[in-house]
C-alpha cells in the first residue's frame, strides 16, 4: 500500500471551531514524519475482503482538520473507490494519534489536510 500527501491552496474557511486554514506557513505533520505515517497506515489499514475479491484498486482522498492542539476532526471523504476502501481509509484516519499542528506567524492554527491513500493489490 502506497501513501501520498497534499495540501490545498485556498486561504482560510470559517467552521464551528474557528478559522481553518488551507495553507499554513508551517504545515501540520504526523508525529515522526512521513515515514511514521506510512508505517501507521500499513499497520492499521485492512484491505477490505470485497475489494480484494473484486480486484478494486485506486486512490482514496480523505480530508480532515488538524486542530491547533493536534487533534484530528472534520474527517470527510473527497474521492473514493468503493468496495469498502473509502470507509477503511476514513476509519484509519479517525484512529490516528494527535498530529503536530500547523503554524502561522508562530501561532498554532487549525489547518485542512488532504491525505491520499492508495489501495493496491500485490
C-alpha atoms as a PDB file:
ATOM      1  CA  UNK A   1       0.000   0.000   0.000  1.00  0.00           C
ATOM      2  CA  UNK A   2       1.424   3.376  -1.005  1.00  0.00           C
ATOM      3  CA  UNK A   3       0.581   6.733   0.544  1.00  0.00           C
ATOM      4  CA  UNK A   4       0.978  10.331  -0.513  1.00  0.00           C
ATOM      5  CA  UNK A   5       0.338  13.771   0.861  1.00  0.00           C
ATOM      6  CA  UNK A   6      -1.023  17.061  -0.417  1.00  0.00           C
ATOM      7  CA  UNK A   7      -2.381  20.328   0.902  1.00  0.00           C
ATOM      8  CA  UNK A   8      -4.989  22.576  -0.710  1.00  0.00           C
ATOM      9  CA  UNK A   9      -4.194  26.142  -1.720  1.00  0.00           C
ATOM     10  CA  UNK A  10      -7.001  28.459  -0.513  1.00  0.00           C
ATOM     11  CA  UNK A  11      -6.502  30.992   2.257  1.00  0.00           C
ATOM     12  CA  UNK A  12      -8.976  30.114   5.031  1.00  0.00           C
ATOM     13  CA  UNK A  13     -12.508  28.974   5.887  1.00  0.00           C
ATOM     14  CA  UNK A  14     -14.725  29.518   8.903  1.00  0.00           C
ATOM     15  CA  UNK A  15     -16.026  26.494  10.839  1.00  0.00           C
ATOM     16  CA  UNK A  16     -17.586  25.969  14.219  1.00  0.00           C
ATOM     17  CA  UNK A  17     -14.066  25.596  15.625  1.00  0.00           C
ATOM     18  CA  UNK A  18     -12.917  28.979  14.284  1.00  0.00           C
ATOM     19  CA  UNK A  19     -10.714  29.699  11.309  1.00  0.00           C
ATOM     20  CA  UNK A  20      -9.379  26.694   9.420  1.00  0.00           C
ATOM     21  CA  UNK A  21      -6.517  27.466   7.055  1.00  0.00           C
ATOM     22  CA  UNK A  22      -5.984  25.705   3.767  1.00  0.00           C
ATOM     23  CA  UNK A  23      -2.344  26.809   3.765  1.00  0.00           C
ATOM     24  CA  UNK A  24      -0.042  27.418   6.709  1.00  0.00           C
ATOM     25  CA  UNK A  25       3.480  28.755   6.987  1.00  0.00           C
ATOM     26  CA  UNK A  26       4.369  25.527   8.800  1.00  0.00           C
ATOM     27  CA  UNK A  27       2.231  22.583   7.692  1.00  0.00           C
ATOM     28  CA  UNK A  28       0.840  20.097  10.197  1.00  0.00           C
ATOM     29  CA  UNK A  29       2.826  16.881  10.481  1.00  0.00           C
ATOM     30  CA  UNK A  30       2.294  13.345  11.663  1.00  0.00           C
ATOM     31  CA  UNK A  31       4.464  12.667  14.736  1.00  0.00           C
ATOM     32  CA  UNK A  32       7.670  11.071  13.494  1.00  0.00           C
ATOM     33  CA  UNK A  33       7.211  12.367   9.940  1.00  0.00           C
ATOM     34  CA  UNK A  34       6.099  10.838   6.658  1.00  0.00           C
ATOM     35  CA  UNK A  35       7.827   7.516   7.328  1.00  0.00           C
ATOM     36  CA  UNK A  36       5.971   7.122  10.614  1.00  0.00           C
ATOM     37  CA  UNK A  37       2.693   7.971   8.853  1.00  0.00           C
ATOM     38  CA  UNK A  38       3.393   5.359   6.176  1.00  0.00           C
ATOM     39  CA  UNK A  39       4.095   2.774   8.891  1.00  0.00           C
ATOM     40  CA  UNK A  40       0.937   3.714  10.782  1.00  0.00           C
ATOM     41  CA  UNK A  41      -1.171   3.284   7.653  1.00  0.00           C
ATOM     42  CA  UNK A  42       0.499  -0.030   6.739  1.00  0.00           C
ATOM     43  CA  UNK A  43      -0.033  -1.411  10.236  1.00  0.00           C
ATOM     44  CA  UNK A  44      -3.642  -0.264  10.600  1.00  0.00           C
ATOM     45  CA  UNK A  45      -5.329  -0.466   7.193  1.00  0.00           C
ATOM     46  CA  UNK A  46      -7.023  -3.757   6.440  1.00  0.00           C
ATOM     47  CA  UNK A  47      -7.740  -4.200   2.733  1.00  0.00           C
ATOM     48  CA  UNK A  48     -11.486  -4.951   2.570  1.00  0.00           C
ATOM     49  CA  UNK A  49     -12.249  -8.546   1.551  1.00  0.00           C
ATOM     50  CA  UNK A  50     -14.795  -7.477  -1.074  1.00  0.00           C
ATOM     51  CA  UNK A  51     -12.234  -5.161  -2.690  1.00  0.00           C
ATOM     52  CA  UNK A  52      -9.679  -7.988  -2.785  1.00  0.00           C
ATOM     53  CA  UNK A  53     -12.200 -10.369  -4.370  1.00  0.00           C
ATOM     54  CA  UNK A  54     -13.268  -7.785  -6.954  1.00  0.00           C
ATOM     55  CA  UNK A  55      -9.714  -6.520  -7.634  1.00  0.00           C
ATOM     56  CA  UNK A  56     -10.666  -2.976  -6.608  1.00  0.00           C
ATOM     57  CA  UNK A  57      -7.646  -0.698  -6.505  1.00  0.00           C
ATOM     58  CA  UNK A  58      -7.204   3.055  -6.519  1.00  0.00           C
ATOM     59  CA  UNK A  59      -6.644   6.171  -4.508  1.00  0.00           C
ATOM     60  CA  UNK A  60      -8.954   7.372  -1.745  1.00  0.00           C
ATOM     61  CA  UNK A  61      -8.715  11.060  -0.790  1.00  0.00           C
ATOM     62  CA  UNK A  62      -9.597  11.897   2.814  1.00  0.00           C
ATOM     63  CA  UNK A  63      -9.695  15.484   4.068  1.00  0.00           C
ATOM     64  CA  UNK A  64      -9.527  16.360   7.739  1.00  0.00           C
ATOM     65  CA  UNK A  65      -8.649  19.252  10.008  1.00  0.00           C
ATOM     66  CA  UNK A  66      -5.535  19.154  12.161  1.00  0.00           C
ATOM     67  CA  UNK A  67      -6.633  21.368  15.031  1.00  0.00           C
ATOM     68  CA  UNK A  68      -4.320  23.784  16.819  1.00  0.00           C
ATOM     69  CA  UNK A  69      -3.985  21.207  19.625  1.00  0.00           C
ATOM     70  CA  UNK A  70      -3.073  18.433  17.144  1.00  0.00           C
ATOM     71  CA  UNK A  71      -6.404  16.598  17.301  1.00  0.00           C
ATOM     72  CA  UNK A  72      -7.937  15.311  14.057  1.00  0.00           C
ATOM     73  CA  UNK A  73     -11.522  16.410  13.303  1.00  0.00           C
ATOM     74  CA  UNK A  74     -13.968  17.010  10.432  1.00  0.00           C
ATOM     75  CA  UNK A  75     -12.991  13.828   8.558  1.00  0.00           C
ATOM     76  CA  UNK A  76     -14.506  13.819   5.060  1.00  0.00           C
ATOM     77  CA  UNK A  77     -14.244  11.630   2.005  1.00  0.00           C
ATOM     78  CA  UNK A  78     -13.268  13.752  -1.014  1.00  0.00           C
ATOM     79  CA  UNK A  79     -12.882  10.939  -3.555  1.00  0.00           C
ATOM     80  CA  UNK A  80     -13.465   7.250  -3.091  1.00  0.00           C
ATOM     81  CA  UNK A  81     -13.158   3.984  -4.965  1.00  0.00           C
ATOM     82  CA  UNK A  82     -15.857   1.939  -3.220  1.00  0.00           C
ATOM     83  CA  UNK A  83     -15.717  -1.674  -2.149  1.00  0.00           C
ATOM     84  CA  UNK A  84     -15.203  -0.729   1.499  1.00  0.00           C
ATOM     85  CA  UNK A  85     -11.910   1.086   0.852  1.00  0.00           C
ATOM     86  CA  UNK A  86     -13.451   4.525   1.474  1.00  0.00           C
ATOM     87  CA  UNK A  87     -14.774   3.509   4.876  1.00  0.00           C
ATOM     88  CA  UNK A  88     -11.496   1.824   5.791  1.00  0.00           C
ATOM     89  CA  UNK A  89      -9.470   4.920   4.898  1.00  0.00           C
ATOM     90  CA  UNK A  90     -11.753   7.134   6.980  1.00  0.00           C
ATOM     91  CA  UNK A  91     -11.687   4.673   9.893  1.00  0.00           C
ATOM     92  CA  UNK A  92      -7.899   4.681   9.996  1.00  0.00           C
ATOM     93  CA  UNK A  93      -7.701   8.485   9.805  1.00  0.00           C
ATOM     94  CA  UNK A  94     -10.114   8.552  12.749  1.00  0.00           C
ATOM     95  CA  UNK A  95      -7.777   6.473  14.947  1.00  0.00           C
ATOM     96  CA  UNK A  96      -4.617   8.460  14.169  1.00  0.00           C
ATOM     97  CA  UNK A  97      -2.705   9.874  17.107  1.00  0.00           C
ATOM     98  CA  UNK A  98      -2.592  13.634  17.541  1.00  0.00           C
ATOM     99  CA  UNK A  99      -0.521  15.452  14.934  1.00  0.00           C
ATOM    100  CA  UNK A 100       1.954  18.308  15.280  1.00  0.00           C
ATOM    101  CA  UNK A 101      -0.245  21.310  14.431  1.00  0.00           C
ATOM    102  CA  UNK A 102       0.395  23.881  11.722  1.00  0.00           C
ATOM    103  CA  UNK A 103       1.613  27.384  12.461  1.00  0.00           C
ATOM    104  CA  UNK A 104       1.134  30.884  11.088  1.00  0.00           C
ATOM    105  CA  UNK A 105       3.308  33.692  12.461  1.00  0.00           C
ATOM    106  CA  UNK A 106       4.410  31.450  15.328  1.00  0.00           C
ATOM    107  CA  UNK A 107       0.807  30.749  16.368  1.00  0.00           C
ATOM    108  CA  UNK A 108      -0.657  27.227  16.296  1.00  0.00           C
ATOM    109  CA  UNK A 109      -3.619  27.134  13.876  1.00  0.00           C
ATOM    110  CA  UNK A 110      -6.269  24.754  12.528  1.00  0.00           C
ATOM    111  CA  UNK A 111      -5.294  23.500   9.052  1.00  0.00           C
ATOM    112  CA  UNK A 112      -7.043  21.319   6.471  1.00  0.00           C
ATOM    113  CA  UNK A 113      -5.040  18.324   5.319  1.00  0.00           C
ATOM    114  CA  UNK A 114      -5.809  16.096   2.335  1.00  0.00           C
ATOM    115  CA  UNK A 115      -4.397  12.588   2.593  1.00  0.00           C
ATOM    116  CA  UNK A 116      -4.440  10.358  -0.494  1.00  0.00           C
ATOM    117  CA  UNK A 117      -4.327   6.691   0.476  1.00  0.00           C
ATOM    118  CA  UNK A 118      -3.515   4.197  -2.280  1.00  0.00           C
ATOM    119  CA  UNK A 119      -5.090   0.767  -2.202  1.00  0.00           C
ATOM    120  CA  UNK A 120      -3.019  -1.602  -4.375  1.00  0.00           C
ATOM    121  CA  UNK A 121      -3.145  -5.373  -4.599  1.00  0.00           C
ATOM    122  CA  UNK A 122       0.236  -7.061  -4.941  1.00  0.00           C
END
